[in-house]
Amino acid sequence: MVSRSEGPERSGLAATTGELMRKADVAQLSSSELSKMSDTELVRVIRSVHQPHVGGDLRGPLQHLGRKPLAGLAWRARQLCRNQGY
């Protein structure tokens, strides 16, 4: 699994492994790291965290949402993890 000590490159690794990220790793993402992520990486972050406030199903294709909504959902996922103490 990807660890915090691997630096900004870890998001690229997470995107290529096909695995979900740990909540602790999501919580530690900086705003800069989130802004540099590809849409595929943002989707990986979003799917790594259950977001009960989202009315829609996040398991289907998300790339069609566009960059701004994906970034917003990824930011919310990070905030949820931080609020949970990760």
Protein backbone atom coordinates (compact mmCIF):
# COMPACT_ATOMS: atom_id res chain seq x y z
CA MET A 1 0.00 0.00 0.00
CA VAL A 2 1.08 3.56 -0.58
CA SER A 3 2.54 5.34 2.43
CA ARG A 4 2.89 9.00 3.32
CA SER A 5 6.69 8.78 3.24
CA GLU A 6 6.73 8.20 -0.50
CA GLY A 7 5.99 11.87 -1.26
CA PRO A 8 3.79 13.31 -4.02
CA GLU A 9 4.53 10.41 -6.37
CA ARG A 10 2.37 8.13 -4.23
CA SER A 11 -0.81 9.38 -5.90
CA GLY A 12 0.51 8.18 -9.26
CA LEU A 13 1.31 4.81 -7.75
CA ALA A 14 -2.16 4.57 -6.22
CA ALA A 15 -3.69 5.25 -9.61
CA THR A 16 -1.69 2.56 -11.36
CA THR A 17 -2.13 -0.21 -8.81
CA GLY A 18 -5.91 -0.26 -9.04
CA GLU A 19 -6.20 -0.35 -5.25
CA LEU A 20 -8.17 1.97 -3.05
CA MET A 21 -6.20 4.30 -0.82
CA ARG A 22 -6.14 3.95 2.95
CA LYS A 23 -8.17 6.60 4.79
CA ALA A 24 -5.01 7.76 6.57
CA ASP A 25 -3.35 8.42 3.21
CA VAL A 26 -6.41 10.27 1.91
CA ALA A 27 -6.50 12.42 5.07
CA GLN A 28 -2.85 13.41 4.61
CA LEU A 29 -3.21 14.60 1.02
CA SER A 30 -2.47 18.28 0.66
CA SER A 31 -4.54 20.65 -1.44
CA SER A 32 -1.55 20.93 -3.77
CA GLU A 33 -1.38 17.15 -4.20
CA LEU A 34 -5.12 16.97 -4.92
CA SER A 35 -4.86 19.74 -7.52
CA LYS A 36 -2.03 17.90 -9.31
CA MET A 37 -3.89 14.58 -9.51
CA SER A 38 -5.32 13.30 -12.75
CA ASP A 39 -9.06 12.65 -13.02
CA THR A 40 -8.35 8.92 -12.62
CA GLU A 41 -6.44 9.56 -9.40
CA LEU A 42 -9.22 11.77 -8.06
CA VAL A 43 -11.73 9.00 -8.74
CA ARG A 44 -9.51 6.61 -6.76
CA VAL A 45 -9.52 9.03 -3.81
CA ILE A 46 -13.31 9.46 -4.03
CA ARG A 47 -13.97 5.72 -4.12
CA SER A 48 -11.64 5.09 -1.18
CA VAL A 49 -14.01 6.85 1.22
CA HIS A 50 -17.72 6.25 1.81
CA GLN A 51 -19.43 9.62 1.46
CA PRO A 52 -22.88 9.36 3.04
CA HIS A 53 -23.77 12.97 2.19
CA VAL A 54 -23.61 12.23 -1.55
CA GLY A 55 -27.03 11.28 -2.86
CA GLY A 56 -25.77 9.51 -5.98
CA ASP A 57 -23.95 6.24 -6.45
CA LEU A 58 -20.18 6.77 -6.68
CA ARG A 59 -19.47 3.25 -7.95
CA GLY A 60 -20.27 3.99 -11.59
CA PRO A 61 -18.20 5.98 -14.09
CA LEU A 62 -17.22 9.36 -12.66
CA GLN A 63 -14.88 10.84 -15.27
CA HIS A 64 -17.87 12.34 -17.09
CA LEU A 65 -18.41 14.70 -14.13
CA GLY A 66 -15.54 16.93 -15.15
CA ARG A 67 -12.57 18.22 -13.25
CA LYS A 68 -14.26 20.65 -10.84
CA PRO A 69 -16.87 18.20 -9.42
CA LEU A 70 -14.25 15.44 -9.12
CA ALA A 71 -11.91 17.76 -7.24
CA GLY A 72 -14.77 18.77 -4.92
CA LEU A 73 -15.67 15.16 -4.14
CA ALA A 74 -12.01 14.31 -3.51
CA TRP A 75 -11.67 17.30 -1.18
CA ARG A 76 -14.79 16.16 0.71
CA ALA A 77 -13.38 12.63 0.96
CA ARG A 78 -10.20 14.07 2.49
CA GLN A 79 -12.23 16.16 4.95
CA LEU A 80 -14.31 13.15 6.00
CA CYS A 81 -11.13 11.19 6.73
CA ARG A 82 -9.66 14.07 8.71
CA ASN A 83 -12.90 14.49 10.68
CA GLN A 84 -12.77 10.79 11.52
CA GLY A 85 -9.33 11.25 13.04
CA TYR A 86 -7.14 9.82 10.30
